[in-house]
Amino acid sequence: MKKPIQSRREAISLLENQQVLYIRIHNGQTGMIKSTEEGIIVAIPNEETDKIDFRKLEDIEAFEAFYDLTLSKPGILYVNVEE
């Protein structure tokens, strides 16, 4: 089941607990966000190239900027949870 993430603080807490987050961006595509030892990895489909664009965010501050920028265009951030 998809559970919407209501705040940046909630998203950061989930990432710190190694949860995989999903993002549906303004064009309807779905990407993935995961915290790793090297940083936070964001994978979003690129409709122009039909490939996946990967970005590595170095720290939580970079994720916060990404969160503010991406979700300012209407985007939805959610996590899958078991019922």
C-alpha atoms as a PDB file:
ATOM      1  CA  MET A   1       0.000   0.000   0.000  1.00  0.00           C
ATOM      2  CA  LYS A   2       1.272   3.493  -0.816  1.00  0.00           C
ATOM      3  CA  LYS A   3       1.533   5.884   2.134  1.00  0.00           C
ATOM      4  CA  PRO A   4       2.014   9.547   1.197  1.00  0.00           C
ATOM      5  CA  ILE A   5       4.833  11.357   2.960  1.00  0.00           C
ATOM      6  CA  GLN A   6       3.540  14.572   4.454  1.00  0.00           C
ATOM      7  CA  SER A   7       6.735  16.481   5.263  1.00  0.00           C
ATOM      8  CA  ARG A   8      10.407  16.809   4.561  1.00  0.00           C
ATOM      9  CA  ARG A   9      11.131  15.763   8.161  1.00  0.00           C
ATOM     10  CA  GLU A  10       9.182  12.519   7.674  1.00  0.00           C
ATOM     11  CA  ALA A  11      11.047  11.823   4.423  1.00  0.00           C
ATOM     12  CA  ILE A  12      14.423  12.356   6.102  1.00  0.00           C
ATOM     13  CA  SER A  13      13.472  10.093   9.006  1.00  0.00           C
ATOM     14  CA  LEU A  14      12.444   7.317   6.604  1.00  0.00           C
ATOM     15  CA  LEU A  15      15.682   7.665   4.614  1.00  0.00           C
ATOM     16  CA  GLU A  16      17.727   7.517   7.815  1.00  0.00           C
ATOM     17  CA  ASN A  17      15.955   4.221   8.591  1.00  0.00           C
ATOM     18  CA  GLN A  18      16.963   2.811   5.193  1.00  0.00           C
ATOM     19  CA  GLN A  19      13.458   2.975   3.704  1.00  0.00           C
ATOM     20  CA  VAL A  20      13.131   3.250  -0.063  1.00  0.00           C
ATOM     21  CA  LEU A  21      11.006   6.237  -1.051  1.00  0.00           C
ATOM     22  CA  TYR A  22       9.171   6.646  -4.319  1.00  0.00           C
ATOM     23  CA  ILE A  23       8.441   9.905  -6.060  1.00  0.00           C
ATOM     24  CA  ARG A  24       5.822  10.566  -8.686  1.00  0.00           C
ATOM     25  CA  ILE A  25       6.876  13.728 -10.468  1.00  0.00           C
ATOM     26  CA  HIS A  26       4.766  16.279 -12.328  1.00  0.00           C
ATOM     27  CA  ASN A  27       4.886  14.390 -15.648  1.00  0.00           C
ATOM     28  CA  GLY A  28       3.480  11.216 -14.047  1.00  0.00           C
ATOM     29  CA  GLN A  29       6.701   9.205 -13.977  1.00  0.00           C
ATOM     30  CA  THR A  30       7.809   7.369 -10.852  1.00  0.00           C
ATOM     31  CA  GLY A  31      11.332   7.420  -9.455  1.00  0.00           C
ATOM     32  CA  MET A  32      13.077   5.950  -6.444  1.00  0.00           C
ATOM     33  CA  ILE A  33      15.101   7.498  -3.600  1.00  0.00           C
ATOM     34  CA  LYS A  34      17.367   5.392  -1.395  1.00  0.00           C
ATOM     35  CA  SER A  35      19.963   6.183   1.237  1.00  0.00           C
ATOM     36  CA  THR A  36      23.309   4.391   0.869  1.00  0.00           C
ATOM     37  CA  GLU A  37      26.691   4.644   2.558  1.00  0.00           C
ATOM     38  CA  GLU A  38      27.890   6.910  -0.275  1.00  0.00           C
ATOM     39  CA  GLY A  39      24.934   9.288  -0.096  1.00  0.00           C
ATOM     40  CA  ILE A  40      21.322   9.473  -1.188  1.00  0.00           C
ATOM     41  CA  ILE A  41      20.648   8.011  -4.636  1.00  0.00           C
ATOM     42  CA  VAL A  42      17.788   9.381  -6.730  1.00  0.00           C
ATOM     43  CA  ALA A  43      16.700   7.444  -9.835  1.00  0.00           C
ATOM     44  CA  ILE A  44      14.139   9.107 -12.109  1.00  0.00           C
ATOM     45  CA  PRO A  45      13.091   8.037 -15.620  1.00  0.00           C
ATOM     46  CA  ASN A  46      14.021  10.508 -18.350  1.00  0.00           C
ATOM     47  CA  GLU A  47      11.217  10.626 -20.911  1.00  0.00           C
ATOM     48  CA  GLU A  48      13.456  12.265 -23.535  1.00  0.00           C
ATOM     49  CA  THR A  49      16.098   9.528 -23.537  1.00  0.00           C
ATOM     50  CA  ASP A  50      14.000   6.579 -22.280  1.00  0.00           C
ATOM     51  CA  LYS A  51      16.743   5.887 -19.731  1.00  0.00           C
ATOM     52  CA  ILE A  52      17.009   6.276 -15.977  1.00  0.00           C
ATOM     53  CA  ASP A  53      18.778   9.374 -14.659  1.00  0.00           C
ATOM     54  CA  PHE A  54      20.726   8.748 -11.452  1.00  0.00           C
ATOM     55  CA  ARG A  55      21.754  11.526  -9.090  1.00  0.00           C
ATOM     56  CA  LYS A  56      23.820  11.168  -5.968  1.00  0.00           C
ATOM     57  CA  LEU A  57      22.990  13.655  -3.247  1.00  0.00           C
ATOM     58  CA  GLU A  58      25.902  14.014  -0.855  1.00  0.00           C
ATOM     59  CA  ASP A  59      23.982  14.668   2.356  1.00  0.00           C
ATOM     60  CA  ILE A  60      20.658  15.487   3.988  1.00  0.00           C
ATOM     61  CA  GLU A  61      20.980  19.184   3.101  1.00  0.00           C
ATOM     62  CA  ALA A  62      21.234  18.282  -0.585  1.00  0.00           C
ATOM     63  CA  PHE A  63      18.167  16.055  -0.219  1.00  0.00           C
ATOM     64  CA  GLU A  64      16.266  18.910   1.435  1.00  0.00           C
ATOM     65  CA  ALA A  65      17.023  21.169  -1.545  1.00  0.00           C
ATOM     66  CA  PHE A  66      15.988  18.397  -3.957  1.00  0.00           C
ATOM     67  CA  TYR A  67      12.784  17.846  -1.955  1.00  0.00           C
ATOM     68  CA  ASP A  68      11.877  21.549  -2.034  1.00  0.00           C
ATOM     69  CA  LEU A  69      12.615  21.897  -5.747  1.00  0.00           C
ATOM     70  CA  THR A  70      10.989  18.681  -6.941  1.00  0.00           C
ATOM     71  CA  LEU A  71       7.868  18.827  -4.835  1.00  0.00           C
ATOM     72  CA  SER A  72       7.250  22.502  -5.596  1.00  0.00           C
ATOM     73  CA  LYS A  73       5.976  21.384  -9.022  1.00  0.00           C
ATOM     74  CA  PRO A  74       3.279  19.096  -7.938  1.00  0.00           C
ATOM     75  CA  GLY A  75       4.995  15.877  -7.084  1.00  0.00           C
ATOM     76  CA  ILE A  76       4.046  13.111  -4.674  1.00  0.00           C
ATOM     77  CA  LEU A  77       6.479  11.383  -2.351  1.00  0.00           C
ATOM     78  CA  TYR A  78       5.413   8.080  -0.821  1.00  0.00           C
ATOM     79  CA  VAL A  79       6.633   4.886   0.805  1.00  0.00           C
ATOM     80  CA  ASN A  80       5.248   1.393   0.338  1.00  0.00           C
ATOM     81  CA  VAL A  81       4.011  -0.171   3.564  1.00  0.00           C
ATOM     82  CA  GLU A  82       2.623  -3.590   4.295  1.00  0.00           C
ATOM     83  CA  GLU A  83      -0.983  -3.643   5.453  1.00  0.00           C
END
